[in-house]
Amino acid sequence: MGLLVGTLAVIWFADVTLKQKTSAMSALPAPVTVATTPADPASAPPLPTAVFIGDGYTAGTDGSGWSDIVAQEMGWQEVNLSVPGMGYRRVPETCPEKPCTAFGGLLDKAVAASPTVVVVMGGAADGDMGSAAVDTFYADLRGALPDATIYAVGPAVSDANPPAWVARTATNVEKAATANGATFVDIGQPLSGKKALVNGPGEPTVAGSRAIAEAFLAGLA
């Protein structure tokens, strides 16, 4: 009889304890579920637009041109208005949209792109020339885009011994750019005498474009 009473007491105590634990647990606040919303790409701020103006050295459209590389590295959305054979005063024989024009004729298109940045590299197609066309272009560019950051680069050539006019044009570009609140980026001549970096038509290979891009980015540092 004593054993039975003891057993019933143990069962009663266990039952009471279980009920107390269950009651305590039911009093706890319900767990809070935090909903996570995937990031909406449309809510990300737009990339700054960079307009590139140049000749065949800058006109690459296969995604591996030096302008493509720089735009990717800098986080820019690229708008490339470059045309092979185009210069500060030289009008190319062919172009994507008629009529063909020199650099100055691209200002309306550049403005339409609402760029934060403009990068200009050219002069090789012009050959030996004075400073008038260069001066006019940078004054007009600054007037058309007063708030844009403008980077100016002298002509790039692949000649092992670049003619003297290449350095003169680079000097003219630097002076005109500086006078109009632009930044001159001295890339030197990264393709000079390096045949492996230039293709048959005299334009940069993928490796050549990478060399120009690296020189440009180093010039910004």
N, C-alpha and C. Protein backbone atom coordinates (compact mmCIF):
# COMPACT_ATOMS: atom_id res chain seq x y z
N MET A 1 0.84 -1.21 0.00
CA MET A 1 0.00 0.00 0.00
C MET A 1 0.86 1.24 0.00
N GLY A 2 1.91 1.23 0.84
CA GLY A 2 2.82 2.39 0.90
C GLY A 2 3.49 2.63 -0.44
N LEU A 3 3.89 1.56 -1.13
CA LEU A 3 4.53 1.69 -2.45
C LEU A 3 3.59 2.31 -3.46
N LEU A 4 2.32 1.90 -3.42
CA LEU A 4 1.33 2.43 -4.36
C LEU A 4 1.12 3.92 -4.14
N VAL A 5 1.02 4.30 -2.85
CA VAL A 5 0.83 5.73 -2.54
C VAL A 5 2.01 6.54 -3.02
N GLY A 6 3.23 5.97 -2.78
CA GLY A 6 4.44 6.69 -3.23
C GLY A 6 4.45 6.87 -4.73
N THR A 7 4.06 5.83 -5.43
CA THR A 7 4.06 5.90 -6.90
C THR A 7 3.08 6.94 -7.39
N LEU A 8 1.87 6.97 -6.78
CA LEU A 8 0.85 7.95 -7.18
C LEU A 8 1.32 9.37 -6.89
N ALA A 9 2.08 9.51 -5.80
CA ALA A 9 2.59 10.86 -5.46
C ALA A 9 3.58 11.33 -6.50
N VAL A 10 4.44 10.42 -6.93
CA VAL A 10 5.43 10.77 -7.97
C VAL A 10 4.74 11.16 -9.25
N ILE A 11 3.72 10.40 -9.65
CA ILE A 11 2.98 10.69 -10.89
C ILE A 11 2.30 12.04 -10.79
N TRP A 12 1.70 12.30 -9.60
CA TRP A 12 1.02 13.60 -9.41
C TRP A 12 2.00 14.76 -9.50
N PHE A 13 3.17 14.60 -8.87
CA PHE A 13 4.18 15.68 -8.88
C PHE A 13 4.69 15.93 -10.29
N ALA A 14 4.93 14.88 -11.06
CA ALA A 14 5.40 15.02 -12.44
C ALA A 14 4.37 15.72 -13.30
N ASP A 15 3.08 15.39 -13.06
CA ASP A 15 1.99 15.99 -13.85
C ASP A 15 1.90 17.49 -13.56
N VAL A 16 2.03 17.84 -12.25
CA VAL A 16 1.97 19.26 -11.88
C VAL A 16 3.14 20.02 -12.49
N THR A 17 4.32 19.43 -12.44
CA THR A 17 5.52 20.09 -12.99
C THR A 17 5.37 20.31 -14.49
N LEU A 18 4.85 19.32 -15.19
CA LEU A 18 4.66 19.44 -16.64
C LEU A 18 3.70 20.56 -16.97
N LYS A 19 2.59 20.64 -16.17
CA LYS A 19 1.60 21.69 -16.42
C LYS A 19 2.19 23.06 -16.17
N GLN A 20 3.06 23.17 -15.12
CA GLN A 20 3.69 24.45 -14.83
C GLN A 20 4.62 24.87 -15.97
N LYS A 21 5.39 23.93 -16.49
CA LYS A 21 6.29 24.25 -17.60
C LYS A 21 5.53 24.65 -18.84
N THR A 22 4.43 23.93 -19.10
CA THR A 22 3.61 24.24 -20.29
C THR A 22 3.01 25.62 -20.16
N SER A 23 2.54 25.97 -18.95
CA SER A 23 1.94 27.28 -18.71
C SER A 23 2.97 28.38 -18.89
N ALA A 24 4.19 28.13 -18.38
CA ALA A 24 5.25 29.15 -18.49
C ALA A 24 5.64 29.37 -19.95
N MET A 25 5.71 28.31 -20.71
CA MET A 25 6.09 28.42 -22.12
C MET A 25 5.03 29.15 -22.91
N SER A 26 3.74 28.91 -22.55
CA SER A 26 2.67 29.58 -23.28
C SER A 26 2.65 31.06 -22.99
N ALA A 27 3.28 31.47 -21.88
CA ALA A 27 3.30 32.89 -21.53
C ALA A 27 4.39 33.65 -22.27
N LEU A 28 5.34 32.93 -22.85
CA LEU A 28 6.42 33.58 -23.59
C LEU A 28 5.88 34.23 -24.86
N PRO A 29 6.45 35.38 -25.26
CA PRO A 29 6.00 36.02 -26.50
C PRO A 29 6.30 35.14 -27.70
N ALA A 30 5.43 35.22 -28.68
CA ALA A 30 5.63 34.44 -29.90
C ALA A 30 6.88 34.92 -30.62
N PRO A 31 7.65 34.01 -31.21
CA PRO A 31 8.86 34.42 -31.93
C PRO A 31 8.50 35.38 -33.06
N VAL A 32 9.36 36.37 -33.24
CA VAL A 32 9.13 37.38 -34.29
C VAL A 32 9.82 36.93 -35.57
N THR A 33 9.08 36.89 -36.63
CA THR A 33 9.63 36.53 -37.94
C THR A 33 9.94 37.80 -38.71
N VAL A 34 11.20 38.00 -39.04
CA VAL A 34 11.62 39.19 -39.79
C VAL A 34 11.62 38.86 -41.26
N ALA A 35 10.82 39.56 -42.00
CA ALA A 35 10.75 39.34 -43.45
C ALA A 35 11.92 40.03 -44.12
N THR A 36 12.59 39.33 -44.99
CA THR A 36 13.69 39.91 -45.76
C THR A 36 13.24 40.12 -47.19
N THR A 37 13.47 41.33 -47.68
CA THR A 37 13.08 41.66 -49.05
C THR A 37 14.32 41.72 -49.92
N PRO A 38 14.37 40.97 -51.01
CA PRO A 38 15.55 41.03 -51.88
C PRO A 38 15.77 42.45 -52.36
N ALA A 39 17.05 42.81 -52.50
CA ALA A 39 17.39 44.15 -52.99
C ALA A 39 16.83 44.35 -54.40
N ASP A 40 16.24 45.49 -54.60
CA ASP A 40 15.67 45.82 -55.90
C ASP A 40 16.72 46.54 -56.74
N PRO A 41 17.19 45.90 -57.83
CA PRO A 41 18.21 46.55 -58.65
C PRO A 41 17.77 47.93 -59.12
N ALA A 42 16.48 48.11 -59.32
CA ALA A 42 15.99 49.39 -59.83
C ALA A 42 16.17 50.50 -58.81
N SER A 43 16.32 50.12 -57.51
CA SER A 43 16.47 51.14 -56.47
C SER A 43 17.91 51.60 -56.33
N ALA A 44 18.86 50.92 -56.95
CA ALA A 44 20.26 51.31 -56.87
C ALA A 44 20.48 52.60 -57.65
N PRO A 45 21.35 53.48 -57.15
CA PRO A 45 21.59 54.74 -57.88
C PRO A 45 22.20 54.45 -59.24
N PRO A 46 21.83 55.22 -60.26
CA PRO A 46 22.38 54.98 -61.60
C PRO A 46 23.87 55.28 -61.66
N LEU A 47 24.57 54.58 -62.53
CA LEU A 47 25.99 54.83 -62.70
C LEU A 47 26.18 56.17 -63.39
N PRO A 48 27.25 56.90 -63.06
CA PRO A 48 27.53 58.14 -63.77
C PRO A 48 27.85 57.85 -65.23
N THR A 49 27.36 58.67 -66.12
CA THR A 49 27.60 58.47 -67.55
C THR A 49 28.91 59.13 -67.97
N ALA A 50 29.71 58.40 -68.72
CA ALA A 50 30.97 58.93 -69.26
C ALA A 50 30.92 58.87 -70.77
N VAL A 51 31.09 60.01 -71.42
CA VAL A 51 31.14 60.08 -72.88
C VAL A 51 32.61 60.04 -73.30
N PHE A 52 32.91 59.16 -74.25
CA PHE A 52 34.26 59.06 -74.80
C PHE A 52 34.25 59.60 -76.23
N ILE A 53 35.18 60.48 -76.52
CA ILE A 53 35.33 61.05 -77.86
C ILE A 53 36.76 60.78 -78.32
N GLY A 54 36.90 60.19 -79.49
CA GLY A 54 38.25 59.90 -79.97
C GLY A 54 38.25 59.33 -81.37
N ASP A 55 39.39 58.79 -81.76
CA ASP A 55 39.56 58.20 -83.09
C ASP A 55 39.50 56.68 -82.98
N GLY A 56 40.15 55.99 -83.92
CA GLY A 56 40.11 54.53 -83.93
C GLY A 56 40.71 53.87 -82.71
N TYR A 57 41.60 54.58 -82.00
CA TYR A 57 42.18 54.01 -80.79
C TYR A 57 41.12 53.88 -79.69
N THR A 58 40.08 54.67 -79.77
CA THR A 58 39.07 54.69 -78.72
C THR A 58 37.74 54.09 -79.17
N ALA A 59 37.62 53.82 -80.46
CA ALA A 59 36.32 53.43 -81.02
C ALA A 59 35.97 51.96 -80.88
N GLY A 60 36.77 51.18 -80.18
CA GLY A 60 36.48 49.75 -80.04
C GLY A 60 35.09 49.51 -79.48
N THR A 61 34.37 48.58 -80.07
CA THR A 61 32.98 48.32 -79.64
C THR A 61 32.77 46.87 -79.22
N ASP A 62 33.85 46.12 -79.04
CA ASP A 62 33.70 44.70 -78.69
C ASP A 62 33.77 44.46 -77.19
N GLY A 63 33.76 45.53 -76.42
CA GLY A 63 33.81 45.38 -74.97
C GLY A 63 35.20 45.26 -74.39
N SER A 64 36.22 45.24 -75.25
CA SER A 64 37.58 45.09 -74.76
C SER A 64 38.45 46.29 -75.13
N GLY A 65 37.83 47.38 -75.62
CA GLY A 65 38.58 48.59 -75.91
C GLY A 65 39.03 49.26 -74.63
N TRP A 66 39.97 50.18 -74.74
CA TRP A 66 40.50 50.81 -73.52
C TRP A 66 39.42 51.60 -72.80
N SER A 67 38.49 52.20 -73.57
CA SER A 67 37.41 52.95 -72.93
C SER A 67 36.48 52.01 -72.16
N ASP A 68 36.26 50.80 -72.70
CA ASP A 68 35.42 49.82 -72.00
C ASP A 68 36.06 49.41 -70.68
N ILE A 69 37.37 49.20 -70.73
CA ILE A 69 38.10 48.77 -69.54
C ILE A 69 38.05 49.86 -68.47
N VAL A 70 38.30 51.10 -68.89
CA VAL A 70 38.30 52.21 -67.95
C VAL A 70 36.91 52.42 -67.35
N ALA A 71 35.89 52.37 -68.19
CA ALA A 71 34.52 52.56 -67.70
C ALA A 71 34.16 51.51 -66.65
N GLN A 72 34.57 50.27 -66.90
CA GLN A 72 34.28 49.20 -65.94
C GLN A 72 35.03 49.43 -64.63
N GLU A 73 36.29 49.80 -64.74
CA GLU A 73 37.10 50.01 -63.53
C GLU A 73 36.60 51.20 -62.71
N MET A 74 36.12 52.24 -63.39
CA MET A 74 35.70 53.46 -62.71
C MET A 74 34.23 53.43 -62.29
N GLY A 75 33.47 52.42 -62.77
CA GLY A 75 32.05 52.36 -62.45
C GLY A 75 31.25 53.37 -63.23
N TRP A 76 31.60 53.56 -64.50
CA TRP A 76 30.91 54.51 -65.37
C TRP A 76 30.03 53.76 -66.37
N GLN A 77 28.96 54.40 -66.77
CA GLN A 77 28.16 53.91 -67.89
C GLN A 77 28.71 54.59 -69.14
N GLU A 78 29.23 53.79 -70.06
CA GLU A 78 29.96 54.34 -71.20
C GLU A 78 29.05 54.71 -72.37
N VAL A 79 29.30 55.89 -72.94
CA VAL A 79 28.72 56.30 -74.22
C VAL A 79 29.90 56.65 -75.11
N ASN A 80 30.14 55.84 -76.12
CA ASN A 80 31.32 56.01 -76.96
C ASN A 80 30.93 56.64 -78.29
N LEU A 81 31.39 57.85 -78.52
CA LEU A 81 31.09 58.57 -79.76
C LEU A 81 32.27 58.58 -80.72
N SER A 82 33.29 57.80 -80.44
CA SER A 82 34.52 57.80 -81.22
C SER A 82 34.32 57.19 -82.61
N VAL A 83 35.09 57.69 -83.58
CA VAL A 83 35.04 57.20 -84.96
C VAL A 83 36.46 57.12 -85.50
N PRO A 84 36.86 56.01 -86.10
CA PRO A 84 38.20 55.93 -86.70
C PRO A 84 38.41 57.06 -87.72
N GLY A 85 39.57 57.68 -87.63
CA GLY A 85 39.90 58.75 -88.57
C GLY A 85 39.39 60.11 -88.16
N MET A 86 38.72 60.23 -87.04
CA MET A 86 38.18 61.51 -86.58
C MET A 86 39.22 62.25 -85.76
N GLY A 87 39.20 63.57 -85.87
CA GLY A 87 40.14 64.37 -85.09
C GLY A 87 39.55 65.70 -84.70
N TYR A 88 40.40 66.57 -84.19
CA TYR A 88 39.95 67.91 -83.80
C TYR A 88 39.49 68.71 -85.02
N ARG A 89 40.13 68.46 -86.13
CA ARG A 89 39.70 69.15 -87.34
C ARG A 89 39.44 68.20 -88.51
N ARG A 90 39.91 66.98 -88.40
CA ARG A 90 39.77 66.02 -89.50
C ARG A 90 38.41 65.33 -89.43
N VAL A 91 37.75 65.31 -90.57
CA VAL A 91 36.47 64.62 -90.72
C VAL A 91 36.72 63.25 -91.35
N PRO A 92 36.29 62.17 -90.72
CA PRO A 92 36.54 60.83 -91.27
C PRO A 92 35.77 60.61 -92.56
N GLU A 93 36.26 59.69 -93.38
CA GLU A 93 35.61 59.39 -94.65
C GLU A 93 34.31 58.62 -94.44
N THR A 94 34.26 57.80 -93.43
CA THR A 94 33.04 57.04 -93.12
C THR A 94 32.73 57.20 -91.64
N CYS A 95 31.45 57.07 -91.31
CA CYS A 95 31.03 57.21 -89.92
C CYS A 95 29.67 56.53 -89.75
N PRO A 96 29.30 56.17 -88.51
CA PRO A 96 28.02 55.47 -88.30
C PRO A 96 26.82 56.30 -88.71
N GLU A 97 26.89 57.60 -88.50
CA GLU A 97 25.76 58.47 -88.83
C GLU A 97 26.24 59.65 -89.67
N LYS A 98 25.57 59.89 -90.78
CA LYS A 98 25.91 61.01 -91.66
C LYS A 98 25.22 62.27 -91.16
N PRO A 99 25.81 63.44 -91.37
CA PRO A 99 27.10 63.63 -92.01
C PRO A 99 28.24 63.38 -91.03
N CYS A 100 29.37 62.95 -91.56
CA CYS A 100 30.55 62.76 -90.72
C CYS A 100 31.05 64.14 -90.26
N THR A 101 31.71 64.14 -89.13
CA THR A 101 32.13 65.40 -88.55
C THR A 101 33.44 65.23 -87.78
N ALA A 102 34.06 66.35 -87.45
CA ALA A 102 35.20 66.34 -86.55
C ALA A 102 34.68 66.31 -85.11
N PHE A 103 35.57 66.35 -84.13
CA PHE A 103 35.16 66.26 -82.73
C PHE A 103 34.08 67.28 -82.37
N GLY A 104 34.24 68.49 -82.84
CA GLY A 104 33.31 69.55 -82.47
C GLY A 104 31.87 69.27 -82.86
N GLY A 105 31.69 68.50 -83.91
CA GLY A 105 30.33 68.18 -84.36
C GLY A 105 29.62 67.18 -83.47
N LEU A 106 30.32 66.66 -82.45
CA LEU A 106 29.72 65.67 -81.55
C LEU A 106 29.16 66.30 -80.28
N LEU A 107 29.28 67.60 -80.15
CA LEU A 107 28.90 68.23 -78.89
C LEU A 107 27.42 68.03 -78.56
N ASP A 108 26.56 68.13 -79.56
CA ASP A 108 25.12 67.94 -79.30
C ASP A 108 24.85 66.54 -78.77
N LYS A 109 25.50 65.54 -79.35
CA LYS A 109 25.31 64.16 -78.89
C LYS A 109 25.87 63.99 -77.48
N ALA A 110 26.99 64.63 -77.23
CA ALA A 110 27.58 64.53 -75.90
C ALA A 110 26.65 65.14 -74.86
N VAL A 111 26.09 66.30 -75.15
CA VAL A 111 25.18 66.96 -74.22
C VAL A 111 23.93 66.11 -74.00
N ALA A 112 23.42 65.49 -75.07
CA ALA A 112 22.21 64.68 -74.99
C ALA A 112 22.38 63.49 -74.05
N ALA A 113 23.62 63.03 -73.87
CA ALA A 113 23.89 61.89 -72.99
C ALA A 113 23.90 62.29 -71.51
N SER A 114 23.85 63.59 -71.23
CA SER A 114 23.88 64.10 -69.84
C SER A 114 25.05 63.50 -69.06
N PRO A 115 26.26 63.64 -69.55
CA PRO A 115 27.38 62.97 -68.89
C PRO A 115 27.87 63.68 -67.63
N THR A 116 28.35 62.88 -66.71
CA THR A 116 29.08 63.40 -65.56
C THR A 116 30.54 63.57 -65.91
N VAL A 117 31.00 62.71 -66.82
CA VAL A 117 32.41 62.68 -67.23
C VAL A 117 32.50 62.68 -68.74
N VAL A 118 33.50 63.39 -69.28
CA VAL A 118 33.82 63.33 -70.71
C VAL A 118 35.31 63.04 -70.82
N VAL A 119 35.66 62.06 -71.65
CA VAL A 119 37.06 61.71 -71.89
C VAL A 119 37.34 61.89 -73.38
N VAL A 120 38.35 62.69 -73.69
CA VAL A 120 38.71 62.96 -75.08
C VAL A 120 40.15 62.52 -75.32
N MET A 121 40.35 61.67 -76.32
CA MET A 121 41.70 61.29 -76.71
C MET A 121 41.79 61.34 -78.23
N GLY A 122 42.69 62.15 -78.75
CA GLY A 122 42.79 62.23 -80.20
C GLY A 122 43.88 63.17 -80.64
N GLY A 123 43.88 63.40 -81.94
CA GLY A 123 44.88 64.26 -82.54
C GLY A 123 45.77 63.53 -83.52
N ALA A 124 45.84 62.20 -83.41
CA ALA A 124 46.69 61.43 -84.31
C ALA A 124 46.19 61.53 -85.75
N ALA A 125 44.88 61.55 -85.92
CA ALA A 125 44.32 61.62 -87.27
C ALA A 125 44.53 62.99 -87.91
N ASP A 126 44.78 64.00 -87.10
CA ASP A 126 44.96 65.35 -87.63
C ASP A 126 46.36 65.58 -88.19
N GLY A 127 47.32 64.85 -87.68
CA GLY A 127 48.69 65.10 -88.11
C GLY A 127 49.21 66.41 -87.54
N ASP A 128 50.16 66.99 -88.22
CA ASP A 128 50.78 68.23 -87.76
C ASP A 128 49.80 69.38 -87.92
N MET A 129 49.42 69.99 -86.85
CA MET A 129 48.47 71.09 -86.92
C MET A 129 48.78 72.10 -85.84
N GLY A 130 48.18 73.25 -85.94
CA GLY A 130 48.36 74.27 -84.91
C GLY A 130 47.44 74.00 -83.74
N SER A 131 47.28 75.02 -82.91
CA SER A 131 46.50 74.86 -81.70
C SER A 131 45.07 75.38 -81.82
N ALA A 132 44.74 76.05 -82.92
CA ALA A 132 43.44 76.72 -83.03
C ALA A 132 42.27 75.76 -82.87
N ALA A 133 42.28 74.63 -83.58
CA ALA A 133 41.17 73.68 -83.52
C ALA A 133 41.04 73.07 -82.13
N VAL A 134 42.17 72.83 -81.50
CA VAL A 134 42.17 72.26 -80.15
C VAL A 134 41.60 73.26 -79.15
N ASP A 135 42.06 74.52 -79.24
CA ASP A 135 41.57 75.56 -78.34
C ASP A 135 40.07 75.74 -78.47
N THR A 136 39.60 75.79 -79.71
CA THR A 136 38.17 75.99 -79.96
C THR A 136 37.35 74.84 -79.40
N PHE A 137 37.83 73.62 -79.61
CA PHE A 137 37.07 72.46 -79.17
C PHE A 137 36.88 72.46 -77.66
N TYR A 138 37.95 72.66 -76.90
CA TYR A 138 37.82 72.58 -75.44
C TYR A 138 37.03 73.75 -74.87
N ALA A 139 37.11 74.90 -75.49
CA ALA A 139 36.28 76.02 -75.05
C ALA A 139 34.81 75.71 -75.31
N ASP A 140 34.51 75.16 -76.48
CA ASP A 140 33.12 74.82 -76.80
C ASP A 140 32.61 73.67 -75.93
N LEU A 141 33.47 72.68 -75.66
CA LEU A 141 33.07 71.55 -74.83
C LEU A 141 32.74 72.01 -73.41
N ARG A 142 33.58 72.86 -72.85
CA ARG A 142 33.30 73.37 -71.51
C ARG A 142 32.04 74.23 -71.50
N GLY A 143 31.84 75.01 -72.54
CA GLY A 143 30.64 75.82 -72.62
C GLY A 143 29.37 74.97 -72.70
N ALA A 144 29.47 73.85 -73.41
CA ALA A 144 28.31 72.97 -73.58
C ALA A 144 28.04 72.14 -72.33
N LEU A 145 29.09 71.80 -71.60
CA LEU A 145 28.95 70.95 -70.40
C LEU A 145 29.71 71.59 -69.24
N PRO A 146 29.17 72.67 -68.69
CA PRO A 146 29.90 73.43 -67.68
C PRO A 146 30.18 72.67 -66.39
N ASP A 147 29.38 71.65 -66.09
CA ASP A 147 29.54 70.95 -64.81
C ASP A 147 30.21 69.59 -64.94
N ALA A 148 30.52 69.18 -66.13
CA ALA A 148 31.11 67.85 -66.34
C ALA A 148 32.59 67.84 -65.96
N THR A 149 33.04 66.67 -65.50
CA THR A 149 34.48 66.45 -65.33
C THR A 149 35.03 66.05 -66.68
N ILE A 150 36.02 66.77 -67.17
CA ILE A 150 36.57 66.52 -68.49
C ILE A 150 38.02 66.07 -68.36
N TYR A 151 38.33 64.94 -68.99
CA TYR A 151 39.70 64.43 -69.05
C TYR A 151 40.17 64.51 -70.49
N ALA A 152 41.33 65.09 -70.70
CA ALA A 152 41.90 65.23 -72.04
C ALA A 152 43.19 64.43 -72.14
N VAL A 153 43.34 63.70 -73.24
CA VAL A 153 44.51 62.86 -73.47
C VAL A 153 45.10 63.23 -74.83
N GLY A 154 46.40 63.32 -74.90
CA GLY A 154 47.05 63.65 -76.16
C GLY A 154 46.97 62.49 -77.14
N PRO A 155 47.44 62.71 -78.38
CA PRO A 155 47.37 61.66 -79.40
C PRO A 155 48.27 60.48 -79.05
N ALA A 156 47.78 59.27 -79.32
CA ALA A 156 48.57 58.05 -79.13
C ALA A 156 48.91 57.49 -80.51
N VAL A 157 50.15 57.08 -80.67
CA VAL A 157 50.62 56.50 -81.93
C VAL A 157 51.43 55.25 -81.64
N SER A 158 51.66 54.48 -82.69
CA SER A 158 52.42 53.25 -82.51
C SER A 158 53.84 53.35 -83.08
N ASP A 159 54.18 54.48 -83.64
CA ASP A 159 55.52 54.67 -84.21
C ASP A 159 56.60 54.44 -83.16
N ALA A 160 57.66 53.75 -83.55
CA ALA A 160 58.76 53.54 -82.62
C ALA A 160 59.40 54.87 -82.25
N ASN A 161 59.43 55.79 -83.20
CA ASN A 161 59.95 57.14 -82.96
C ASN A 161 58.88 58.14 -83.40
N PRO A 162 57.96 58.49 -82.51
CA PRO A 162 56.87 59.39 -82.88
C PRO A 162 57.38 60.71 -83.44
N PRO A 163 56.75 61.20 -84.50
CA PRO A 163 57.18 62.49 -85.05
C PRO A 163 57.00 63.62 -84.05
N ALA A 164 57.74 64.71 -84.28
CA ALA A 164 57.75 65.81 -83.30
C ALA A 164 56.38 66.43 -83.09
N TRP A 165 55.51 66.38 -84.12
CA TRP A 165 54.20 67.02 -83.98
C TRP A 165 53.31 66.33 -82.94
N VAL A 166 53.58 65.06 -82.66
CA VAL A 166 52.78 64.34 -81.66
C VAL A 166 52.95 65.01 -80.29
N ALA A 167 54.18 65.33 -79.93
CA ALA A 167 54.43 66.00 -78.65
C ALA A 167 53.85 67.41 -78.66
N ARG A 168 53.95 68.10 -79.81
CA ARG A 168 53.39 69.46 -79.89
C ARG A 168 51.88 69.44 -79.70
N THR A 169 51.23 68.48 -80.34
CA THR A 169 49.77 68.38 -80.18
C THR A 169 49.40 68.07 -78.74
N ALA A 170 50.14 67.19 -78.10
CA ALA A 170 49.87 66.86 -76.70
C ALA A 170 50.01 68.11 -75.83
N THR A 171 51.02 68.92 -76.12
CA THR A 171 51.20 70.17 -75.37
C THR A 171 50.04 71.12 -75.60
N ASN A 172 49.58 71.21 -76.84
CA ASN A 172 48.43 72.07 -77.15
C ASN A 172 47.16 71.59 -76.44
N VAL A 173 46.99 70.28 -76.41
CA VAL A 173 45.82 69.71 -75.72
C VAL A 173 45.89 70.02 -74.23
N GLU A 174 47.05 69.85 -73.65
CA GLU A 174 47.21 70.13 -72.22
C GLU A 174 46.88 71.60 -71.91
N LYS A 175 47.40 72.51 -72.71
CA LYS A 175 47.17 73.93 -72.47
C LYS A 175 45.68 74.29 -72.62
N ALA A 176 45.06 73.79 -73.69
CA ALA A 176 43.64 74.10 -73.93
C ALA A 176 42.76 73.49 -72.86
N ALA A 177 43.07 72.26 -72.46
CA ALA A 177 42.28 71.59 -71.43
C ALA A 177 42.39 72.34 -70.11
N THR A 178 43.59 72.68 -69.71
CA THR A 178 43.81 73.38 -68.45
C THR A 178 43.12 74.73 -68.44
N ALA A 179 43.18 75.43 -69.57
CA ALA A 179 42.56 76.75 -69.66
C ALA A 179 41.04 76.69 -69.53
N ASN A 180 40.47 75.52 -69.78
CA ASN A 180 39.01 75.37 -69.73
C ASN A 180 38.54 74.45 -68.61
N GLY A 181 39.35 74.34 -67.58
CA GLY A 181 38.93 73.59 -66.39
C GLY A 181 38.87 72.09 -66.58
N ALA A 182 39.61 71.58 -67.56
CA ALA A 182 39.67 70.13 -67.77
C ALA A 182 40.99 69.60 -67.20
N THR A 183 41.06 68.30 -67.04
CA THR A 183 42.27 67.66 -66.51
C THR A 183 43.01 66.94 -67.62
N PHE A 184 44.26 67.28 -67.82
CA PHE A 184 45.08 66.58 -68.81
C PHE A 184 45.66 65.33 -68.18
N VAL A 185 45.47 64.19 -68.84
CA VAL A 185 45.99 62.92 -68.35
C VAL A 185 47.12 62.48 -69.28
N ASP A 186 48.31 62.49 -68.76
CA ASP A 186 49.49 62.14 -69.55
C ASP A 186 49.69 60.63 -69.53
N ILE A 187 49.39 59.98 -70.64
CA ILE A 187 49.57 58.52 -70.71
C ILE A 187 50.87 58.14 -71.41
N GLY A 188 51.61 59.14 -71.87
CA GLY A 188 52.82 58.83 -72.63
C GLY A 188 52.45 58.21 -73.96
N GLN A 189 53.26 57.24 -74.40
CA GLN A 189 53.00 56.51 -75.65
C GLN A 189 53.09 55.01 -75.36
N PRO A 190 52.05 54.44 -74.77
CA PRO A 190 52.13 53.04 -74.34
C PRO A 190 52.25 52.03 -75.47
N LEU A 191 51.96 52.43 -76.71
CA LEU A 191 52.05 51.49 -77.84
C LEU A 191 53.26 51.75 -78.72
N SER A 192 54.01 52.77 -78.43
CA SER A 192 55.13 53.18 -79.29
C SER A 192 56.16 52.06 -79.47
N GLY A 193 56.33 51.64 -80.73
CA GLY A 193 57.30 50.63 -81.06
C GLY A 193 56.94 49.22 -80.64
N LYS A 194 55.72 49.01 -80.21
CA LYS A 194 55.30 47.68 -79.73
C LYS A 194 54.32 47.08 -80.74
N LYS A 195 54.86 46.43 -81.75
CA LYS A 195 54.05 45.92 -82.85
C LYS A 195 52.99 44.91 -82.38
N ALA A 196 53.29 44.17 -81.34
CA ALA A 196 52.35 43.15 -80.87
C ALA A 196 51.09 43.77 -80.27
N LEU A 197 51.13 45.06 -79.97
CA LEU A 197 49.99 45.73 -79.35
C LEU A 197 49.11 46.45 -80.37
N VAL A 198 49.46 46.33 -81.66
CA VAL A 198 48.72 47.02 -82.71
C VAL A 198 48.39 46.04 -83.83
N ASN A 199 47.16 46.15 -84.35
CA ASN A 199 46.76 45.24 -85.43
C ASN A 199 47.11 45.82 -86.81
N GLY A 200 46.69 45.13 -87.87
CA GLY A 200 47.00 45.54 -89.23
C GLY A 200 46.62 46.96 -89.56
N PRO A 201 45.38 47.39 -89.29
CA PRO A 201 44.97 48.76 -89.57
C PRO A 201 45.63 49.81 -88.68
N GLY A 202 46.48 49.37 -87.75
CA GLY A 202 47.15 50.33 -86.89
C GLY A 202 46.39 50.70 -85.64
N GLU A 203 45.41 49.88 -85.26
CA GLU A 203 44.63 50.15 -84.06
C GLU A 203 45.01 49.15 -82.96
N PRO A 204 44.73 49.46 -81.71
CA PRO A 204 45.18 48.61 -80.60
C PRO A 204 44.54 47.22 -80.62
N THR A 205 45.34 46.23 -80.30
CA THR A 205 44.81 44.90 -80.03
C THR A 205 44.19 44.93 -78.63
N VAL A 206 43.68 43.78 -78.19
CA VAL A 206 43.15 43.70 -76.83
C VAL A 206 44.24 44.06 -75.82
N ALA A 207 45.44 43.53 -76.04
CA ALA A 207 46.55 43.84 -75.13
C ALA A 207 46.93 45.31 -75.22
N GLY A 208 46.86 45.87 -76.43
CA GLY A 208 47.17 47.29 -76.61
C GLY A 208 46.16 48.16 -75.89
N SER A 209 44.88 47.79 -75.98
CA SER A 209 43.84 48.55 -75.28
C SER A 209 44.05 48.48 -73.78
N ARG A 210 44.45 47.32 -73.30
CA ARG A 210 44.72 47.18 -71.87
C ARG A 210 45.88 48.09 -71.46
N ALA A 211 46.90 48.20 -72.32
CA ALA A 211 48.05 49.05 -72.01
C ALA A 211 47.63 50.52 -71.92
N ILE A 212 46.76 50.96 -72.84
CA ILE A 212 46.28 52.34 -72.80
C ILE A 212 45.43 52.57 -71.55
N ALA A 213 44.55 51.63 -71.26
CA ALA A 213 43.69 51.76 -70.08
C ALA A 213 44.51 51.86 -68.81
N GLU A 214 45.51 51.02 -68.69
CA GLU A 214 46.35 51.05 -67.49
C GLU A 214 47.10 52.37 -67.37
N ALA A 215 47.57 52.89 -68.52
CA ALA A 215 48.27 54.17 -68.50
C ALA A 215 47.32 55.30 -68.10
N PHE A 216 46.11 55.25 -68.59
CA PHE A 216 45.10 56.28 -68.25
C PHE A 216 44.77 56.22 -66.76
N LEU A 217 44.48 55.05 -66.26
CA LEU A 217 44.12 54.89 -64.85
C LEU A 217 45.28 55.30 -63.94
N ALA A 218 46.50 54.98 -64.37
CA ALA A 218 47.67 55.40 -63.59
C ALA A 218 47.80 56.92 -63.59
N GLY A 219 47.43 57.54 -64.74
CA GLY A 219 47.49 58.99 -64.83
C GLY A 219 46.48 59.70 -63.94
N LEU A 220 45.40 59.00 -63.61
CA LEU A 220 44.38 59.58 -62.73
C LEU A 220 44.79 59.52 -61.27
N ALA A 221 45.68 58.59 -60.95
CA ALA A 221 46.06 58.37 -59.55
C ALA A 221 46.83 59.56 -58.98
